[in-house]
Every structure is written in structure tokens, then in C-alpha cells.
Amino acid sequence: MTSTRSAIQIPEWEEMHNKKTPWIDWNTRSLALASLLAALYSGYVFYFAFASFGPLQVRVVDAFLPLSILFGPPAIVGVTIGCFIGNFLGSPFGIVDIVGGPVANLLAATLAWAVTRRKFRGSWLLAIALEIAVVSVIVGTYLVALGAAPGVPAWVGWIEFMGSEVVAIGVLGYPLLEGVARATQRNPNLGPQNPS
């Protein structure tokens, strides 16, 4: 399948994701999407620090994580950099949160994207469940280690943190993903394009 591209066109979805050489074809649209997600993510974390940090936190902006299923590497990079910047500017947990949060987002979003590339029935739901699990285990573990009483097992942090991630990623992120997917199917100038 051949395609002509200019500065404002995005290559066909399959062509972009089946390339063997680069991880992503960084064009203007990919860079803009990654930048937009990073700015929105970090802005939310910074301005809503009261809800973004602590053992009981609800990062509503984690609803952007499922967008990696649809947009792939630009969304993965965006939520990872956004988490790094937001945690750098406001985290009371220091370097562990500045590094741990972005690593959790990077792994969760990359796994979700990789799972959905197989295109099997239920892959979106499995990918979202993986995102919830990965973020809950990584962040829940270090939050318990940094902020809880001595002797509290890590699984307590996982369960405690999983509730907020189910809300953010599952309850808010999945409908956002479906809405964006419908919008991009109706308007070929938005996001990834599925070949007809």
C-alpha cells in the first residue's frame, strides 16, 4: 500500500504501525499529540496536586492512558512525559515518584498498545485491565513503602490504589477511548486511519 504524505497528512494506520525500522514515524501530528497529552497530563497533576498525590489519590487524568490503544507511541510518550513533569513539579514523594510514576505509565500504555495490536475480540478490555493492574502494582508498592506504617504489606497498597485506577482508567478512560475512536472514524482528518 503506497501513500503520499505532506506535513499535515498522517500515513495509513496499518502502514505506520507495521514499519520494522522506527518505533514511530514522528511527523508533525504525532509530535503535536504527544505534546498535547503531556501538557494536559502534567497540568492536571500540578493544579490538582491535592488529588494527585498521597496514598489515597484519584488521578482523573489517567483516563488518557487508554488513548495509547488508539494512537500508539505518541500517546505513550505523551502520558509518560506528562507524568514525569507533573510528578517533578509537585510530588511530595521525591525521586521515587518522579521516576516510578512515569515508568508505570510507560509500561502500562506500551503493554496496552501491544495487546491491542493483535486485534482479537476483547483486546481493548484486556488492555485496560492490564493498565489498571500495572499502574496499581508499581505505584501502589512504592506508595506503601514510602508512606505507610512499617509492616504493611504491598498488596494493601495495590488494592487501595486499584480503586482509583478503576475509576480513572476503566470508568472514565474506556468511554473516552470509545468516543475518540468513533470521532476518528467519522472524520478521516483526525487521528489514526483504518484502511477501508
Protein backbone atom coordinates (compact mmCIF):
# COMPACT_ATOMS: atom_id res chain seq x y z
CA MET A 1 0.00 0.00 0.00
CA THR A 2 1.57 3.28 -1.02
CA SER A 3 0.76 6.66 0.35
CA THR A 4 1.70 10.22 -0.40
CA ARG A 5 2.32 12.36 2.63
CA SER A 6 2.64 16.03 3.30
CA ALA A 7 3.21 17.90 6.52
CA ILE A 8 -0.47 17.69 7.51
CA GLN A 9 -1.37 14.17 6.42
CA ILE A 10 -0.90 11.10 8.57
CA PRO A 11 0.06 7.81 6.93
CA GLU A 12 -2.41 4.96 6.94
CA TRP A 13 -2.75 3.39 10.37
CA GLU A 14 -1.56 -0.05 9.35
CA GLU A 15 1.39 1.30 7.40
CA MET A 16 2.50 3.40 10.36
CA HIS A 17 2.35 0.54 12.83
CA ASN A 18 3.78 -2.22 10.64
CA LYS A 19 7.07 -0.50 9.90
CA LYS A 20 10.01 -2.52 11.15
CA THR A 21 12.66 0.21 11.40
CA PRO A 22 11.46 3.10 13.58
CA TRP A 23 9.30 2.72 16.65
CA ILE A 24 7.18 5.54 15.29
CA ASP A 25 7.09 7.74 12.26
CA TRP A 26 7.45 11.08 14.06
CA ASN A 27 5.57 13.53 11.92
CA THR A 28 4.03 16.83 12.97
CA ARG A 29 0.77 15.23 14.06
CA SER A 30 2.49 12.64 16.24
CA LEU A 31 4.62 15.28 17.93
CA ALA A 32 1.60 17.53 18.48
CA LEU A 33 -0.43 14.68 20.01
CA ALA A 34 2.40 13.68 22.35
CA SER A 35 2.91 17.31 23.36
CA LEU A 36 -0.79 17.92 23.94
CA LEU A 37 -1.19 14.84 26.12
CA ALA A 38 1.98 15.67 28.08
CA ALA A 39 0.79 19.24 28.70
CA LEU A 40 -2.71 18.19 29.75
CA TYR A 41 -1.43 15.39 31.99
CA SER A 42 1.22 17.48 33.74
CA GLY A 43 -1.11 20.46 34.09
CA TYR A 44 -3.77 18.35 35.76
CA VAL A 45 -1.27 16.73 38.15
CA PHE A 46 0.23 20.11 39.09
CA TYR A 47 -3.01 22.07 39.52
CA PHE A 48 -4.88 19.26 41.25
CA ALA A 49 -1.98 18.17 43.46
CA PHE A 50 -4.36 17.64 46.40
CA ALA A 51 -5.96 14.74 44.49
CA SER A 52 -2.85 13.63 42.57
CA PHE A 53 -0.52 12.65 45.40
CA GLY A 54 -0.75 10.58 48.52
CA PRO A 55 -1.82 7.07 49.42
CA LEU A 56 -5.43 7.85 48.50
CA GLN A 57 -5.23 9.63 45.19
CA VAL A 58 -7.53 9.91 42.23
CA ARG A 59 -5.67 10.95 39.10
CA VAL A 60 -8.58 11.52 36.79
CA VAL A 61 -6.06 12.33 34.07
CA ASP A 62 -5.07 8.65 33.98
CA ALA A 63 -8.14 8.40 31.75
CA PHE A 64 -5.69 9.37 28.97
CA LEU A 65 -3.79 6.07 29.33
CA PRO A 66 -6.25 4.06 27.17
CA LEU A 67 -5.64 6.51 24.31
CA SER A 68 -2.39 4.57 23.76
CA ILE A 69 -4.58 1.78 22.39
CA LEU A 70 -5.75 4.01 19.58
CA PHE A 71 -2.82 6.36 19.00
CA GLY A 72 0.11 4.14 20.00
CA PRO A 73 3.55 5.64 20.60
CA PRO A 74 2.57 9.35 20.53
CA ALA A 75 0.08 8.74 23.35
CA ILE A 76 2.56 6.52 25.21
CA VAL A 77 5.22 9.23 25.06
CA GLY A 78 2.69 11.94 25.99
CA VAL A 79 1.36 10.28 29.16
CA THR A 80 4.88 9.26 30.21
CA ILE A 81 6.42 12.72 29.81
CA GLY A 82 3.33 14.36 31.31
CA CYS A 83 3.57 12.15 34.38
CA PHE A 84 7.28 12.92 34.73
CA ILE A 85 6.73 16.69 34.54
CA GLY A 86 3.72 16.65 36.87
CA ASN A 87 5.50 14.48 39.45
CA PHE A 88 8.66 16.58 39.16
CA LEU A 89 6.73 19.78 39.87
CA GLY A 90 4.56 18.56 42.71
CA SER A 91 5.32 15.17 44.18
CA PRO A 92 6.00 15.03 47.91
CA PHE A 93 7.49 11.54 47.44
CA GLY A 94 10.63 12.76 45.68
CA ILE A 95 12.70 10.85 43.16
CA VAL A 96 10.87 7.57 43.67
CA ASP A 97 7.61 9.10 42.42
CA ILE A 98 9.34 11.24 39.78
CA VAL A 99 10.77 8.06 38.23
CA GLY A 100 8.25 5.42 39.34
CA GLY A 101 5.10 7.12 38.04
CA PRO A 102 6.39 7.65 34.50
CA VAL A 103 7.78 4.10 34.41
CA ALA A 104 4.35 2.79 35.44
CA ASN A 105 2.65 4.84 32.71
CA LEU A 106 5.23 3.81 30.11
CA LEU A 107 4.85 0.10 30.87
CA ALA A 108 1.06 0.22 31.18
CA ALA A 109 0.49 2.18 27.97
CA THR A 110 3.04 0.14 25.99
CA LEU A 111 1.52 -3.17 27.13
CA ALA A 112 -1.97 -1.95 26.25
CA TRP A 113 -0.85 -0.88 22.79
CA ALA A 114 0.99 -4.17 22.23
CA VAL A 115 -2.00 -6.28 23.30
CA THR A 116 -4.44 -4.45 21.03
CA ARG A 117 -2.18 -4.75 18.00
CA ARG A 118 -3.22 -8.43 17.94
CA LYS A 119 -6.78 -7.28 17.18
CA PHE A 120 -8.74 -10.02 18.94
CA ARG A 121 -12.20 -9.75 20.45
CA GLY A 122 -11.96 -8.16 23.88
CA SER A 123 -8.45 -6.82 23.37
CA TRP A 124 -9.43 -3.30 24.48
CA LEU A 125 -10.88 -4.59 27.75
CA LEU A 126 -7.83 -6.77 28.40
CA ALA A 127 -5.54 -3.84 27.62
CA ILE A 128 -7.39 -1.57 30.05
CA ALA A 129 -7.29 -4.25 32.75
CA LEU A 130 -3.52 -4.53 32.21
CA GLU A 131 -3.12 -0.76 32.52
CA ILE A 132 -5.05 -0.76 35.79
CA ALA A 133 -3.01 -3.69 37.14
CA VAL A 134 0.41 -2.35 36.11
CA VAL A 135 -0.14 1.15 37.49
CA SER A 136 -1.71 -0.22 40.68
CA VAL A 137 1.13 -2.64 41.37
CA ILE A 138 4.01 -0.26 40.62
CA VAL A 139 2.63 2.91 42.21
CA GLY A 140 0.81 1.07 45.00
CA THR A 141 4.01 -0.70 46.00
CA TYR A 142 6.14 2.40 46.36
CA LEU A 143 3.38 4.44 47.98
CA VAL A 144 3.06 1.82 50.71
CA ALA A 145 6.85 1.68 51.10
CA LEU A 146 7.15 5.47 51.37
CA GLY A 147 4.02 6.47 53.23
CA ALA A 148 2.57 3.61 55.23
CA ALA A 149 3.29 2.26 58.65
CA PRO A 150 6.07 -0.32 58.87
CA GLY A 151 4.94 -3.85 58.23
CA VAL A 152 2.05 -3.01 55.91
CA PRO A 153 2.15 -5.50 53.02
CA ALA A 154 2.43 -4.26 49.43
CA TRP A 155 -0.89 -5.85 48.41
CA VAL A 156 -2.68 -3.35 50.68
CA GLY A 157 -1.28 -0.54 48.52
CA TRP A 158 -2.27 -2.38 45.36
CA ILE A 159 -5.89 -2.75 46.44
CA GLU A 160 -6.05 0.76 47.82
CA PHE A 161 -4.63 2.28 44.65
CA MET A 162 -6.55 -0.01 42.30
CA GLY A 163 -9.87 1.60 43.26
CA SER A 164 -8.79 4.99 41.96
CA GLU A 165 -7.31 3.46 38.80
CA VAL A 166 -10.51 1.55 38.06
CA VAL A 167 -12.35 4.87 38.21
CA ALA A 168 -9.80 6.80 36.14
CA ILE A 169 -8.79 4.22 33.55
CA GLY A 170 -11.84 1.97 33.45
CA VAL A 171 -14.85 4.15 34.20
CA LEU A 172 -13.56 7.37 32.57
CA GLY A 173 -10.84 6.18 30.18
CA TYR A 174 -12.77 3.47 28.35
CA PRO A 175 -15.67 5.74 27.30
CA LEU A 176 -13.12 8.41 26.32
CA LEU A 177 -11.33 5.83 24.16
CA GLU A 178 -14.58 4.75 22.50
CA GLY A 179 -15.64 8.36 21.87
CA VAL A 180 -12.30 9.31 20.33
CA ALA A 181 -12.33 6.13 18.22
CA ARG A 182 -15.81 6.98 16.88
CA ALA A 183 -14.78 10.58 16.18
CA THR A 184 -11.66 9.49 14.31
CA GLN A 185 -13.65 7.00 12.21
CA ARG A 186 -16.15 9.68 11.18
CA ASN A 187 -13.52 12.31 10.39
CA PRO A 188 -10.53 10.95 8.46
CA ASN A 189 -8.51 14.10 9.23
CA LEU A 190 -8.36 13.14 12.92
CA GLY A 191 -6.01 10.57 14.41
CA PRO A 192 -5.23 7.15 13.02
CA GLN A 193 -6.96 5.99 9.89
CA ASN A 194 -8.18 2.47 9.36
CA PRO A 195 -7.87 1.33 5.75
CA SER A 196 -11.22 0.54 4.12
